Structures are given as C-alpha cells and as structure tokens.
Amino acid sequence: MIPTKHRLNLRHHPEFFNYAKRHYNIFFVVFYQCFSQDRESKLAVIVPKKNINKRVWRNKIKRQVYHLALPLLQKTPGLAMAVVIKQEFLKLSPGELGIQLNKTFTNLIKK
C-alpha cells in the first residue's frame, strides 16, 4: 500500500483534470500538476471498469502501479499525478510496467 501522504484523493480535488497537463502513453494516460518542491508528491491510479471488468483485477493493477511508483514519488517532490490505465496495459509484464513508469517519470521531471 502507498502511504496516505502520497495518495491523491480526487474527490477532494474535482477540478484536478481541468487544470492538469497530460502525458500520453500506449498503456496509460498521466494527468499531472507541478507544485512547490516542499510539498509531498501525490498519486492516484484509475482503472476504468469499461476496460477491466473484474474488481479483483482492477485492484491488483492499482497495487502494482502504487508499488512501482512509490520510490519514484519519493524522488520527485511537488508533483500530483493521476494515472488512467488503458486496455493495452494488460499485455505488460511487471518488469515492462516498471520500465514504462520510469520512462514516464523521467519525461515529466524534464518538463
């Protein structure tokens, strides 16, 4: 599990998607906002029911993404992100998932 200080609660921030920048990938879409460097980074993972029907599978995917993203979040302060998973995500192995997340985080840090 990811600590609550790193969780982005979208119910408290309904305007997040209106002001967020977007980064597109084959496997997921990342909505992000940059804040001051003294704030903790936050992450939300969204797995649409339309793409993956079983709740068990959706929760498993969320846990995998949270597990791989936690060290990356701790390295990059002041970033709020929402990751929306696409259907093609199911074709990834856990190793490939880590590589894709690392690429995305390095691209976001450069911007």
Protein backbone atom coordinates (compact mmCIF):
# COMPACT_ATOMS: atom_id res chain seq x y z
CA MET A 1 0.00 0.00 0.00
CA ILE A 2 1.03 3.55 -0.60
CA PRO A 3 1.10 5.88 2.43
CA THR A 4 -1.81 8.31 2.69
CA LYS A 5 0.54 11.29 2.39
CA HIS A 6 1.27 10.13 -1.18
CA ARG A 7 -2.34 9.43 -2.18
CA LEU A 8 -4.18 11.94 -4.33
CA ASN A 9 -7.85 11.98 -3.35
CA LEU A 10 -9.71 13.15 -6.44
CA ARG A 11 -12.98 13.54 -4.54
CA HIS A 12 -11.41 16.48 -2.70
CA HIS A 13 -9.96 17.90 -5.95
CA PRO A 14 -12.69 17.65 -8.63
CA GLU A 15 -11.04 20.40 -10.69
CA PHE A 16 -7.78 18.44 -10.99
CA PHE A 17 -8.44 17.23 -14.54
CA ASN A 18 -9.40 20.71 -15.75
CA TYR A 19 -6.02 22.25 -14.89
CA ALA A 20 -3.72 19.25 -15.26
CA LYS A 21 -1.24 18.75 -18.08
CA ARG A 22 -1.37 15.46 -19.94
CA HIS A 23 1.20 12.88 -20.97
CA TYR A 24 0.01 10.12 -23.29
CA ASN A 25 1.42 6.62 -23.49
CA ILE A 26 0.24 3.45 -25.22
CA PHE A 27 -0.55 1.85 -21.88
CA PHE A 28 -1.79 4.76 -19.77
CA VAL A 29 -2.51 8.49 -19.69
CA VAL A 30 -0.92 10.62 -16.98
CA PHE A 31 -2.56 13.82 -15.78
CA TYR A 32 -0.13 15.88 -13.69
CA GLN A 33 0.32 19.21 -11.96
CA CYS A 34 3.53 20.62 -10.55
CA PHE A 35 3.51 22.29 -7.14
CA SER A 36 6.23 23.77 -4.95
CA GLN A 37 9.15 21.49 -4.10
CA ASP A 38 8.36 21.49 -0.36
CA ARG A 39 5.10 19.52 -0.84
CA GLU A 40 4.85 15.73 -0.96
CA SER A 41 4.17 14.10 -4.33
CA LYS A 42 0.75 12.51 -4.69
CA LEU A 43 -0.57 9.77 -6.95
CA ALA A 44 -3.96 8.37 -7.94
CA VAL A 45 -4.40 5.30 -10.14
CA ILE A 46 -7.64 4.99 -12.11
CA VAL A 47 -8.61 1.72 -13.74
CA PRO A 48 -11.86 2.16 -15.68
CA LYS A 49 -14.50 -0.52 -15.29
CA LYS A 50 -15.03 -0.29 -19.04
CA ASN A 51 -11.52 -1.62 -19.68
CA ILE A 52 -11.24 -4.24 -16.92
CA ASN A 53 -14.46 -5.77 -15.65
CA LYS A 54 -13.36 -7.66 -12.54
CA ARG A 55 -12.80 -5.58 -9.41
CA VAL A 56 -10.12 -8.00 -8.24
CA TRP A 57 -8.06 -7.38 -11.37
CA ARG A 58 -8.53 -3.61 -11.12
CA ASN A 59 -7.30 -3.64 -7.50
CA LYS A 60 -4.34 -5.84 -8.43
CA ILE A 61 -3.30 -3.40 -11.16
CA LYS A 62 -3.62 -0.47 -8.76
CA ARG A 63 -1.43 -2.23 -6.19
CA GLN A 64 1.21 -2.98 -8.84
CA VAL A 65 1.34 0.62 -10.03
CA TYR A 66 1.44 2.00 -6.47
CA HIS A 67 4.23 -0.42 -5.55
CA LEU A 68 6.37 0.56 -8.54
CA ALA A 69 5.63 4.29 -8.32
CA LEU A 70 6.34 4.81 -4.60
CA PRO A 71 10.15 5.08 -4.92
CA LEU A 72 9.71 7.40 -7.90
CA LEU A 73 7.31 9.61 -5.95
CA GLN A 74 9.78 9.98 -3.11
CA LYS A 75 12.45 11.19 -5.56
CA THR A 76 10.22 13.86 -7.14
CA PRO A 77 8.64 16.24 -4.62
CA GLY A 78 5.86 18.64 -5.60
CA LEU A 79 4.12 16.53 -8.25
CA ALA A 80 0.45 15.47 -8.26
CA MET A 81 -0.42 12.73 -10.75
CA ALA A 82 -3.42 10.70 -11.83
CA VAL A 83 -2.64 7.64 -13.95
CA VAL A 84 -5.52 6.36 -16.10
CA ILE A 85 -4.93 2.79 -17.24
CA LYS A 86 -5.78 1.70 -20.80
CA GLN A 87 -6.79 -1.74 -22.10
CA GLU A 88 -3.31 -2.40 -23.59
CA PHE A 89 -1.91 -2.32 -20.06
CA LEU A 90 -2.92 -5.97 -19.60
CA LYS A 91 -0.27 -7.01 -22.16
CA LEU A 92 2.57 -5.72 -19.96
CA SER A 93 4.64 -7.87 -17.66
CA PRO A 94 5.58 -6.38 -14.26
CA GLY A 95 9.13 -5.71 -15.49
CA GLU A 96 7.89 -3.85 -18.56
CA LEU A 97 5.48 -1.90 -16.36
CA GLY A 98 8.37 -0.64 -14.23
CA ILE A 99 10.28 0.43 -17.36
CA GLN A 100 7.27 2.32 -18.74
CA LEU A 101 6.67 4.09 -15.42
CA ASN A 102 10.36 5.08 -15.16
CA LYS A 103 10.28 6.50 -18.70
CA THR A 104 7.14 8.47 -17.94
CA PHE A 105 8.51 9.87 -14.67
CA THR A 106 11.80 10.94 -16.31
CA ASN A 107 9.84 12.68 -19.09
CA LEU A 108 7.69 14.50 -16.55
CA ILE A 109 10.72 15.58 -14.50
CA LYS A 110 12.39 17.02 -17.61
CA LYS A 111 9.29 19.11 -18.37
